[in-house]
Amino acid sequence: MNQAMGGDGQGSSTRPYLLRALHDWCTDNGFTPYIAVYVDGSVRVPMEYVKNNEIVLNVGFEATSGLKLGNDVIEFRARFGGVARDIVVPVDHVVAIYARENGQGMAFPVPTAAAPDDAQGGETPAQPAAGAARGLHLASVEGQEAAPPGRGAGADAAGTGPEPPEPSPPAGPPRPSLKRIK
């Protein structure tokens, strides 16, 4: 998952730091932080809410208990259908974090090192999570169009409810990617 500082100068992954920063930004601005997660055998979530190897979770303090945004895993307890469940998500399986109210946030690459037998619903790990396949629209710069906010899996405090309708594929240039600046 994270690389220790070594001779290659890469350092550790920036993903956990960006997740914590955007979670703080959402909280400080009164927004509800949601994460989209690529689900395979290493993720512990209620599988009945997983669709196309993806689940969207409300990670706001009001919806979670004992939230820990660690460098390797995100852990918390949340209610799904009235039942409290322990959730464990490897940080590298978070494919997006965004504010429910305005869609602003950040998307990340889908993990590629999953084993084929871990995939749900017969998909192979090479296939992107549903959000990535839909061209998940997240505004990273003010003034850009954001995805319409939708509820994730579920109607409880954990954000479990009906999935929002799938948007049509975006028109125009391909989705931008992050560049590493040394």
N, C-alpha and C. Protein backbone atom coordinates (compact mmCIF):
# COMPACT_ATOMS: atom_id res chain seq x y z
N MET A 1 0.84 -1.19 0.00
CA MET A 1 0.00 0.00 0.00
C MET A 1 0.88 1.25 0.00
N ASN A 2 1.35 1.67 1.15
CA ASN A 2 2.23 2.82 1.19
C ASN A 2 3.67 2.36 1.07
N GLN A 3 4.47 3.14 0.39
CA GLN A 3 5.88 2.83 0.28
C GLN A 3 6.62 3.64 1.33
N ALA A 4 7.58 2.99 2.00
CA ALA A 4 8.41 3.72 2.94
C ALA A 4 9.39 4.57 2.15
N MET A 5 9.87 5.63 2.77
CA MET A 5 10.84 6.50 2.11
C MET A 5 12.05 5.65 1.78
N GLY A 6 12.44 5.62 0.55
CA GLY A 6 13.55 4.76 0.14
C GLY A 6 14.45 5.47 -0.82
N GLY A 7 15.32 4.68 -1.43
CA GLY A 7 16.30 5.21 -2.36
C GLY A 7 15.67 5.76 -3.62
N ASP A 8 14.42 5.38 -3.92
CA ASP A 8 13.79 5.86 -5.14
C ASP A 8 13.23 7.27 -4.99
N GLY A 9 13.20 7.80 -3.76
CA GLY A 9 12.73 9.16 -3.54
C GLY A 9 11.22 9.31 -3.66
N GLN A 10 10.48 8.21 -3.79
CA GLN A 10 9.04 8.28 -3.97
C GLN A 10 8.32 8.72 -2.70
N GLY A 11 8.76 8.25 -1.53
CA GLY A 11 8.07 8.57 -0.30
C GLY A 11 6.79 7.77 -0.19
N SER A 12 5.97 8.12 0.78
CA SER A 12 4.71 7.40 0.97
C SER A 12 3.63 7.98 0.06
N SER A 13 2.54 7.27 -0.04
CA SER A 13 1.43 7.69 -0.88
C SER A 13 0.83 9.00 -0.36
N THR A 14 0.41 9.85 -1.27
CA THR A 14 -0.26 11.10 -0.89
C THR A 14 -1.75 10.89 -0.66
N ARG A 15 -2.29 9.75 -1.10
CA ARG A 15 -3.74 9.52 -1.02
C ARG A 15 -4.31 9.68 0.39
N PRO A 16 -3.71 9.07 1.44
CA PRO A 16 -4.33 9.23 2.76
C PRO A 16 -4.32 10.69 3.24
N TYR A 17 -3.30 11.43 2.88
CA TYR A 17 -3.21 12.84 3.28
C TYR A 17 -4.27 13.67 2.55
N LEU A 18 -4.47 13.39 1.26
CA LEU A 18 -5.48 14.10 0.50
C LEU A 18 -6.89 13.75 0.99
N LEU A 19 -7.10 12.48 1.35
CA LEU A 19 -8.40 12.07 1.88
C LEU A 19 -8.70 12.81 3.18
N ARG A 20 -7.72 12.87 4.08
CA ARG A 20 -7.93 13.59 5.35
C ARG A 20 -8.17 15.08 5.11
N ALA A 21 -7.41 15.66 4.19
CA ALA A 21 -7.57 17.09 3.90
C ALA A 21 -8.96 17.40 3.33
N LEU A 22 -9.42 16.59 2.39
CA LEU A 22 -10.74 16.84 1.81
C LEU A 22 -11.85 16.51 2.80
N HIS A 23 -11.65 15.54 3.66
CA HIS A 23 -12.62 15.25 4.71
C HIS A 23 -12.72 16.46 5.64
N ASP A 24 -11.58 17.02 6.03
CA ASP A 24 -11.57 18.23 6.88
C ASP A 24 -12.26 19.40 6.18
N TRP A 25 -11.97 19.57 4.89
CA TRP A 25 -12.56 20.67 4.13
C TRP A 25 -14.09 20.53 4.11
N CYS A 26 -14.57 19.32 3.83
CA CYS A 26 -16.02 19.09 3.83
C CYS A 26 -16.62 19.42 5.19
N THR A 27 -16.00 18.90 6.25
CA THR A 27 -16.50 19.10 7.61
C THR A 27 -16.50 20.58 7.98
N ASP A 28 -15.39 21.26 7.70
CA ASP A 28 -15.28 22.68 8.05
C ASP A 28 -16.30 23.55 7.33
N ASN A 29 -16.72 23.11 6.13
CA ASN A 29 -17.66 23.91 5.34
C ASN A 29 -19.10 23.42 5.47
N GLY A 30 -19.35 22.50 6.38
CA GLY A 30 -20.71 22.02 6.60
C GLY A 30 -21.21 21.06 5.54
N PHE A 31 -20.30 20.48 4.76
CA PHE A 31 -20.67 19.52 3.72
C PHE A 31 -20.57 18.10 4.27
N THR A 32 -21.19 17.17 3.57
CA THR A 32 -21.17 15.76 3.95
C THR A 32 -20.14 15.03 3.10
N PRO A 33 -19.05 14.52 3.70
CA PRO A 33 -18.03 13.82 2.91
C PRO A 33 -18.47 12.40 2.56
N TYR A 34 -18.42 12.08 1.28
CA TYR A 34 -18.73 10.73 0.79
C TYR A 34 -17.47 10.17 0.14
N ILE A 35 -17.27 8.86 0.26
CA ILE A 35 -16.19 8.20 -0.46
C ILE A 35 -16.78 7.12 -1.35
N ALA A 36 -16.24 7.01 -2.56
CA ALA A 36 -16.57 5.91 -3.46
C ALA A 36 -15.44 4.91 -3.32
N VAL A 37 -15.78 3.64 -3.12
CA VAL A 37 -14.80 2.61 -2.82
C VAL A 37 -14.90 1.48 -3.83
N TYR A 38 -13.74 1.06 -4.37
CA TYR A 38 -13.66 -0.13 -5.21
C TYR A 38 -13.65 -1.33 -4.27
N VAL A 39 -14.58 -2.25 -4.44
CA VAL A 39 -14.74 -3.37 -3.52
C VAL A 39 -14.16 -4.66 -4.10
N ASP A 40 -13.29 -5.27 -3.30
CA ASP A 40 -12.80 -6.61 -3.58
C ASP A 40 -12.68 -7.32 -2.24
N GLY A 41 -11.97 -8.42 -2.19
CA GLY A 41 -11.87 -9.22 -0.97
C GLY A 41 -11.20 -8.54 0.20
N SER A 42 -10.45 -7.47 -0.03
CA SER A 42 -9.74 -6.79 1.06
C SER A 42 -10.58 -5.71 1.73
N VAL A 43 -11.77 -5.45 1.21
CA VAL A 43 -12.65 -4.40 1.74
C VAL A 43 -13.74 -5.06 2.58
N ARG A 44 -13.99 -4.52 3.77
CA ARG A 44 -15.05 -5.06 4.64
C ARG A 44 -16.18 -4.04 4.70
N VAL A 45 -17.22 -4.30 3.90
CA VAL A 45 -18.42 -3.48 3.83
C VAL A 45 -19.61 -4.42 3.68
N PRO A 46 -20.82 -3.94 3.93
CA PRO A 46 -22.00 -4.79 3.70
C PRO A 46 -22.14 -5.08 2.21
N MET A 47 -21.90 -6.32 1.82
CA MET A 47 -21.87 -6.68 0.41
C MET A 47 -23.23 -6.50 -0.29
N GLU A 48 -24.31 -6.49 0.49
CA GLU A 48 -25.62 -6.32 -0.14
C GLU A 48 -25.81 -4.91 -0.71
N TYR A 49 -24.94 -3.97 -0.35
CA TYR A 49 -25.02 -2.61 -0.88
C TYR A 49 -24.00 -2.35 -1.98
N VAL A 50 -23.21 -3.35 -2.33
CA VAL A 50 -22.19 -3.21 -3.37
C VAL A 50 -22.82 -3.42 -4.73
N LYS A 51 -22.52 -2.50 -5.64
CA LYS A 51 -23.03 -2.61 -7.01
C LYS A 51 -21.88 -2.36 -7.97
N ASN A 52 -21.65 -3.29 -8.88
CA ASN A 52 -20.57 -3.17 -9.86
C ASN A 52 -19.22 -2.92 -9.19
N ASN A 53 -18.94 -3.68 -8.14
CA ASN A 53 -17.68 -3.57 -7.40
C ASN A 53 -17.47 -2.21 -6.76
N GLU A 54 -18.54 -1.46 -6.49
CA GLU A 54 -18.40 -0.13 -5.91
C GLU A 54 -19.47 0.09 -4.84
N ILE A 55 -19.08 0.82 -3.81
CA ILE A 55 -20.01 1.27 -2.79
C ILE A 55 -19.66 2.72 -2.46
N VAL A 56 -20.68 3.51 -2.20
CA VAL A 56 -20.47 4.90 -1.79
C VAL A 56 -20.88 5.00 -0.33
N LEU A 57 -19.97 5.56 0.48
CA LEU A 57 -20.18 5.62 1.93
C LEU A 57 -20.13 7.06 2.44
N ASN A 58 -21.04 7.38 3.33
CA ASN A 58 -21.04 8.65 4.03
C ASN A 58 -20.02 8.52 5.16
N VAL A 59 -18.96 9.31 5.14
CA VAL A 59 -17.93 9.24 6.19
C VAL A 59 -17.94 10.50 7.05
N GLY A 60 -19.09 11.16 7.12
CA GLY A 60 -19.25 12.29 8.01
C GLY A 60 -19.27 11.82 9.46
N PHE A 61 -18.91 12.70 10.37
CA PHE A 61 -18.87 12.34 11.79
C PHE A 61 -20.26 11.98 12.32
N GLU A 62 -21.33 12.57 11.74
CA GLU A 62 -22.68 12.28 12.19
C GLU A 62 -23.11 10.87 11.78
N ALA A 63 -22.52 10.33 10.72
CA ALA A 63 -22.93 9.02 10.20
C ALA A 63 -22.04 7.88 10.67
N THR A 64 -20.93 8.22 11.32
CA THR A 64 -19.97 7.19 11.70
C THR A 64 -19.69 7.24 13.19
N SER A 65 -19.15 6.15 13.68
CA SER A 65 -18.69 6.07 15.06
C SER A 65 -17.26 5.55 15.02
N GLY A 66 -16.36 6.22 15.73
CA GLY A 66 -14.97 5.76 15.79
C GLY A 66 -14.24 5.89 14.47
N LEU A 67 -14.52 6.93 13.69
CA LEU A 67 -13.88 7.11 12.39
C LEU A 67 -12.38 7.31 12.55
N LYS A 68 -11.60 6.49 11.85
CA LYS A 68 -10.13 6.61 11.82
C LYS A 68 -9.70 6.65 10.37
N LEU A 69 -9.17 7.79 9.95
CA LEU A 69 -8.66 7.96 8.59
C LEU A 69 -7.16 7.73 8.63
N GLY A 70 -6.74 6.48 8.61
CA GLY A 70 -5.34 6.13 8.74
C GLY A 70 -4.59 6.19 7.42
N ASN A 71 -3.29 5.91 7.48
CA ASN A 71 -2.46 5.90 6.27
C ASN A 71 -2.70 4.67 5.42
N ASP A 72 -3.12 3.56 6.03
CA ASP A 72 -3.33 2.32 5.29
C ASP A 72 -4.80 1.94 5.14
N VAL A 73 -5.60 2.20 6.17
CA VAL A 73 -7.02 1.84 6.12
C VAL A 73 -7.88 2.95 6.73
N ILE A 74 -9.14 2.97 6.29
CA ILE A 74 -10.17 3.80 6.89
C ILE A 74 -11.08 2.84 7.64
N GLU A 75 -11.28 3.10 8.93
CA GLU A 75 -12.10 2.23 9.75
C GLU A 75 -13.17 3.05 10.46
N PHE A 76 -14.36 2.49 10.57
CA PHE A 76 -15.43 3.12 11.34
C PHE A 76 -16.57 2.13 11.51
N ARG A 77 -17.53 2.54 12.30
CA ARG A 77 -18.75 1.75 12.51
C ARG A 77 -19.90 2.63 12.03
N ALA A 78 -20.84 2.02 11.29
CA ALA A 78 -21.97 2.76 10.75
C ALA A 78 -23.18 1.84 10.68
N ARG A 79 -24.35 2.45 10.59
CA ARG A 79 -25.60 1.68 10.51
C ARG A 79 -26.02 1.53 9.05
N PHE A 80 -26.41 0.31 8.72
CA PHE A 80 -26.94 -0.02 7.40
C PHE A 80 -28.24 -0.77 7.66
N GLY A 81 -29.35 -0.21 7.22
CA GLY A 81 -30.64 -0.85 7.47
C GLY A 81 -30.92 -1.02 8.95
N GLY A 82 -30.43 -0.09 9.78
CA GLY A 82 -30.65 -0.12 11.21
C GLY A 82 -29.69 -1.01 11.98
N VAL A 83 -28.78 -1.68 11.29
CA VAL A 83 -27.83 -2.59 11.94
C VAL A 83 -26.43 -1.98 11.90
N ALA A 84 -25.79 -1.88 13.08
CA ALA A 84 -24.43 -1.33 13.14
C ALA A 84 -23.45 -2.34 12.54
N ARG A 85 -22.57 -1.85 11.66
CA ARG A 85 -21.58 -2.70 10.99
C ARG A 85 -20.21 -2.07 11.09
N ASP A 86 -19.19 -2.93 11.21
CA ASP A 86 -17.80 -2.47 11.18
C ASP A 86 -17.36 -2.38 9.73
N ILE A 87 -16.77 -1.24 9.36
CA ILE A 87 -16.34 -1.00 7.99
C ILE A 87 -14.81 -0.84 7.99
N VAL A 88 -14.15 -1.52 7.06
CA VAL A 88 -12.70 -1.39 6.89
C VAL A 88 -12.43 -1.26 5.40
N VAL A 89 -11.81 -0.15 5.02
CA VAL A 89 -11.53 0.14 3.62
C VAL A 89 -10.04 0.46 3.47
N PRO A 90 -9.30 -0.35 2.71
CA PRO A 90 -7.91 0.04 2.42
C PRO A 90 -7.91 1.39 1.69
N VAL A 91 -7.01 2.27 2.09
CA VAL A 91 -6.95 3.61 1.51
C VAL A 91 -6.79 3.56 -0.01
N ASP A 92 -6.03 2.59 -0.51
CA ASP A 92 -5.82 2.53 -1.96
C ASP A 92 -7.05 2.06 -2.73
N HIS A 93 -8.12 1.69 -2.03
CA HIS A 93 -9.37 1.30 -2.69
C HIS A 93 -10.38 2.45 -2.75
N VAL A 94 -10.03 3.59 -2.17
CA VAL A 94 -10.90 4.77 -2.28
C VAL A 94 -10.65 5.38 -3.65
N VAL A 95 -11.69 5.42 -4.48
CA VAL A 95 -11.54 5.94 -5.84
C VAL A 95 -12.02 7.38 -5.96
N ALA A 96 -12.70 7.90 -4.92
CA ALA A 96 -13.11 9.31 -4.93
C ALA A 96 -13.55 9.72 -3.53
N ILE A 97 -13.38 11.00 -3.24
CA ILE A 97 -13.95 11.62 -2.05
C ILE A 97 -14.55 12.94 -2.53
N TYR A 98 -15.78 13.21 -2.07
CA TYR A 98 -16.45 14.41 -2.56
C TYR A 98 -17.51 14.86 -1.56
N ALA A 99 -17.91 16.11 -1.70
CA ALA A 99 -18.98 16.68 -0.89
C ALA A 99 -20.31 16.31 -1.54
N ARG A 100 -21.20 15.70 -0.77
CA ARG A 100 -22.51 15.30 -1.30
C ARG A 100 -23.28 16.49 -1.85
N GLU A 101 -23.17 17.63 -1.18
CA GLU A 101 -24.00 18.79 -1.53
C GLU A 101 -23.63 19.44 -2.85
N ASN A 102 -22.36 19.41 -3.25
CA ASN A 102 -21.98 20.10 -4.49
C ASN A 102 -21.11 19.27 -5.42
N GLY A 103 -20.74 18.05 -5.02
CA GLY A 103 -19.96 17.18 -5.89
C GLY A 103 -18.49 17.52 -5.98
N GLN A 104 -18.04 18.57 -5.29
CA GLN A 104 -16.62 18.92 -5.36
C GLN A 104 -15.79 17.92 -4.57
N GLY A 105 -14.67 17.51 -5.13
CA GLY A 105 -13.81 16.55 -4.47
C GLY A 105 -12.68 16.13 -5.37
N MET A 106 -12.25 14.89 -5.22
CA MET A 106 -11.10 14.40 -5.97
C MET A 106 -11.29 12.92 -6.27
N ALA A 107 -10.89 12.52 -7.47
CA ALA A 107 -10.94 11.12 -7.87
C ALA A 107 -9.52 10.56 -7.88
N PHE A 108 -9.42 9.24 -7.68
CA PHE A 108 -8.13 8.55 -7.64
C PHE A 108 -8.19 7.34 -8.57
N PRO A 109 -7.02 6.83 -8.96
CA PRO A 109 -7.02 5.63 -9.82
C PRO A 109 -7.61 4.42 -9.09
N VAL A 110 -8.24 3.54 -9.86
CA VAL A 110 -8.78 2.29 -9.34
C VAL A 110 -7.60 1.35 -9.10
N PRO A 111 -7.58 0.63 -7.97
CA PRO A 111 -6.46 -0.29 -7.73
C PRO A 111 -6.40 -1.37 -8.81
N THR A 112 -5.20 -1.76 -9.18
CA THR A 112 -5.03 -2.74 -10.26
C THR A 112 -4.51 -4.07 -9.76
N ALA A 113 -4.12 -4.18 -8.50
CA ALA A 113 -3.48 -5.40 -8.01
C ALA A 113 -4.46 -6.37 -7.36
N ALA A 114 -5.75 -6.25 -7.64
CA ALA A 114 -6.74 -7.16 -7.05
C ALA A 114 -6.69 -8.50 -7.77
N ALA A 115 -6.98 -9.58 -7.03
CA ALA A 115 -7.00 -10.91 -7.62
C ALA A 115 -8.32 -11.12 -8.35
N PRO A 116 -8.33 -11.83 -9.50
CA PRO A 116 -9.56 -12.02 -10.27
C PRO A 116 -10.68 -12.66 -9.47
N ASP A 117 -10.38 -13.57 -8.54
CA ASP A 117 -11.45 -14.22 -7.80
C ASP A 117 -12.04 -13.31 -6.73
N ASP A 118 -11.46 -12.12 -6.50
CA ASP A 118 -12.01 -11.18 -5.54
C ASP A 118 -13.15 -10.35 -6.12
N ALA A 119 -13.25 -10.30 -7.44
CA ALA A 119 -14.24 -9.43 -8.08
C ALA A 119 -15.65 -9.91 -7.78
N GLN A 120 -16.57 -8.97 -7.64
CA GLN A 120 -17.97 -9.28 -7.40
C GLN A 120 -18.71 -9.29 -8.73
N GLY A 121 -19.71 -10.11 -8.82
CA GLY A 121 -20.58 -10.08 -9.99
C GLY A 121 -19.90 -10.47 -11.28
N GLY A 122 -18.80 -11.23 -11.23
CA GLY A 122 -18.15 -11.72 -12.42
C GLY A 122 -17.28 -10.71 -13.13
N GLU A 123 -17.09 -9.52 -12.58
CA GLU A 123 -16.21 -8.55 -13.22
C GLU A 123 -14.76 -8.90 -12.93
N THR A 124 -13.90 -8.52 -13.80
CA THR A 124 -12.48 -8.74 -13.55
C THR A 124 -11.91 -7.48 -12.94
N PRO A 125 -10.81 -7.58 -12.17
CA PRO A 125 -10.24 -6.41 -11.52
C PRO A 125 -9.76 -5.35 -12.50
N ALA A 126 -9.51 -5.73 -13.74
CA ALA A 126 -9.04 -4.74 -14.72
C ALA A 126 -10.15 -3.76 -15.08
N GLN A 127 -11.41 -4.15 -14.80
CA GLN A 127 -12.51 -3.25 -15.09
C GLN A 127 -12.59 -2.20 -13.99
N PRO A 128 -12.81 -0.95 -14.33
CA PRO A 128 -12.88 0.09 -13.31
C PRO A 128 -14.15 -0.01 -12.50
N ALA A 129 -14.13 0.63 -11.34
CA ALA A 129 -15.32 0.72 -10.50
C ALA A 129 -16.39 1.49 -11.26
N ALA A 130 -17.62 1.33 -10.84
CA ALA A 130 -18.74 1.93 -11.56
C ALA A 130 -18.58 3.43 -11.74
N GLY A 131 -18.13 4.14 -10.72
CA GLY A 131 -17.97 5.59 -10.82
C GLY A 131 -16.95 5.96 -11.88
N ALA A 132 -15.86 5.20 -11.93
CA ALA A 132 -14.83 5.47 -12.93
C ALA A 132 -15.37 5.14 -14.32
N ALA A 133 -16.15 4.06 -14.42
CA ALA A 133 -16.70 3.68 -15.71
C ALA A 133 -17.69 4.73 -16.21
N ARG A 134 -18.39 5.38 -15.29
CA ARG A 134 -19.35 6.42 -15.67
C ARG A 134 -18.66 7.74 -15.94
N GLY A 135 -17.35 7.83 -15.71
CA GLY A 135 -16.67 9.11 -15.87
C GLY A 135 -17.07 10.03 -14.74
N LEU A 136 -16.95 9.55 -13.51
CA LEU A 136 -17.35 10.29 -12.31
C LEU A 136 -16.94 11.75 -12.45
N HIS A 137 -17.90 12.65 -12.36
CA HIS A 137 -17.65 14.08 -12.53
C HIS A 137 -17.40 14.71 -11.17
N LEU A 138 -16.19 15.13 -10.92
CA LEU A 138 -15.87 15.83 -9.68
C LEU A 138 -15.19 17.14 -10.05
N ALA A 139 -15.63 18.21 -9.46
CA ALA A 139 -15.02 19.50 -9.74
C ALA A 139 -13.83 19.70 -8.83
N SER A 140 -12.66 19.91 -9.40
CA SER A 140 -11.48 20.16 -8.60
C SER A 140 -11.09 21.62 -8.64
N VAL A 141 -11.70 22.38 -9.54
CA VAL A 141 -11.43 23.80 -9.67
C VAL A 141 -12.77 24.51 -9.65
N GLU A 142 -12.86 25.59 -8.88
CA GLU A 142 -14.12 26.32 -8.81
C GLU A 142 -14.53 26.78 -10.20
N GLY A 143 -15.82 26.72 -10.45
CA GLY A 143 -16.34 27.16 -11.73
C GLY A 143 -16.55 26.02 -12.70
N GLN A 144 -15.92 24.85 -12.44
CA GLN A 144 -16.16 23.71 -13.31
C GLN A 144 -17.45 23.06 -12.90
N GLU A 145 -18.07 22.38 -13.83
CA GLU A 145 -19.33 21.71 -13.53
C GLU A 145 -19.06 20.48 -12.68
N ALA A 146 -19.79 20.34 -11.60
CA ALA A 146 -19.66 19.18 -10.71
C ALA A 146 -20.75 18.19 -11.01
N ALA A 147 -20.52 16.96 -10.58
CA ALA A 147 -21.54 15.92 -10.73
C ALA A 147 -22.72 16.28 -9.85
N PRO A 148 -23.90 15.93 -10.26
CA PRO A 148 -25.04 16.20 -9.39
C PRO A 148 -24.87 15.38 -8.12
N PRO A 149 -25.06 15.99 -6.96
CA PRO A 149 -24.87 15.24 -5.73
C PRO A 149 -25.93 14.15 -5.64
N GLY A 150 -25.51 13.01 -5.13
CA GLY A 150 -26.45 11.91 -4.97
C GLY A 150 -26.16 11.20 -3.68
N ARG A 151 -27.08 10.41 -3.25
CA ARG A 151 -26.86 9.64 -2.03
C ARG A 151 -26.17 8.36 -2.42
N GLY A 152 -25.34 7.90 -1.55
CA GLY A 152 -24.64 6.64 -1.77
C GLY A 152 -25.55 5.49 -1.42
N ALA A 153 -24.95 4.41 -0.98
CA ALA A 153 -25.71 3.22 -0.65
C ALA A 153 -26.46 3.42 0.66
N GLY A 154 -27.80 3.49 0.67
CA GLY A 154 -28.60 3.43 1.89
C GLY A 154 -29.27 4.72 2.33
N ALA A 155 -30.20 4.62 3.30
CA ALA A 155 -30.94 5.79 3.77
C ALA A 155 -30.66 6.10 5.23
N ASP A 156 -29.79 5.32 5.89
CA ASP A 156 -29.44 5.56 7.28
C ASP A 156 -28.43 6.69 7.37
N ALA A 157 -27.95 6.90 8.59
CA ALA A 157 -26.89 7.89 8.80
C ALA A 157 -25.65 7.50 8.02
N ALA A 158 -25.48 6.24 7.70
CA ALA A 158 -24.30 5.79 6.97
C ALA A 158 -24.39 6.14 5.49
N GLY A 159 -25.46 6.78 5.09
CA GLY A 159 -25.59 7.16 3.69
C GLY A 159 -26.08 6.01 2.85
N THR A 160 -26.80 5.08 3.47
CA THR A 160 -27.28 3.94 2.72
C THR A 160 -28.68 4.22 2.22
N GLY A 161 -28.88 4.18 0.92
CA GLY A 161 -30.18 4.47 0.32
C GLY A 161 -30.15 4.18 -1.15
N PRO A 162 -31.16 4.56 -1.83
CA PRO A 162 -31.20 4.24 -3.26
C PRO A 162 -30.08 4.95 -4.01
N GLU A 163 -29.52 4.25 -4.97
CA GLU A 163 -28.46 4.82 -5.80
C GLU A 163 -29.04 5.92 -6.67
N PRO A 164 -28.26 6.99 -6.90
CA PRO A 164 -28.75 8.02 -7.81
C PRO A 164 -28.75 7.48 -9.23
N PRO A 165 -29.55 8.04 -10.12
CA PRO A 165 -29.55 7.55 -11.50
C PRO A 165 -28.18 7.77 -12.13
N GLU A 166 -27.78 6.83 -12.98
CA GLU A 166 -26.47 6.94 -13.61
C GLU A 166 -26.50 8.07 -14.64
N PRO A 167 -25.49 8.96 -14.57
CA PRO A 167 -25.44 10.04 -15.55
C PRO A 167 -24.96 9.50 -16.89
N SER A 168 -25.27 10.24 -17.95
CA SER A 168 -24.78 9.83 -19.26
C SER A 168 -23.28 10.11 -19.34
N PRO A 169 -22.55 9.38 -20.17
CA PRO A 169 -21.11 9.60 -20.28
C PRO A 169 -20.81 11.04 -20.66
N PRO A 170 -19.71 11.58 -20.13
CA PRO A 170 -19.38 12.98 -20.42
C PRO A 170 -18.97 13.17 -21.87
N ALA A 171 -19.31 14.34 -22.39
CA ALA A 171 -18.88 14.69 -23.74
C ALA A 171 -17.63 15.53 -23.62
N GLY A 172 -16.79 15.45 -24.59
CA GLY A 172 -15.60 16.30 -24.57
C GLY A 172 -14.33 15.52 -24.31
N PRO A 173 -13.30 16.22 -23.84
CA PRO A 173 -11.99 15.60 -23.67
C PRO A 173 -12.01 14.55 -22.56
N PRO A 174 -11.03 13.65 -22.57
CA PRO A 174 -10.97 12.61 -21.55
C PRO A 174 -10.73 13.22 -20.18
N ARG A 175 -11.05 12.45 -19.14
CA ARG A 175 -10.90 12.86 -17.76
C ARG A 175 -9.44 13.22 -17.43
N PRO A 176 -9.20 14.34 -16.76
CA PRO A 176 -7.83 14.71 -16.43
C PRO A 176 -7.24 13.78 -15.38
N SER A 177 -5.94 13.73 -15.32
CA SER A 177 -5.28 12.89 -14.32
C SER A 177 -4.29 13.73 -13.52
N LEU A 178 -3.91 13.21 -12.38
CA LEU A 178 -2.95 13.92 -11.53
C LEU A 178 -1.56 13.72 -12.04
N LYS A 179 -0.72 14.73 -11.91
CA LYS A 179 0.67 14.65 -12.29
C LYS A 179 1.53 14.76 -11.04
N ARG A 180 2.55 13.93 -10.95
CA ARG A 180 3.48 14.01 -9.83
C ARG A 180 4.50 15.10 -10.14
N ILE A 181 4.66 16.03 -9.22
CA ILE A 181 5.63 17.12 -9.37
C ILE A 181 6.71 16.89 -8.35
N LYS A 182 7.94 16.84 -8.82
CA LYS A 182 9.05 16.58 -7.89
C LYS A 182 9.75 17.85 -7.51
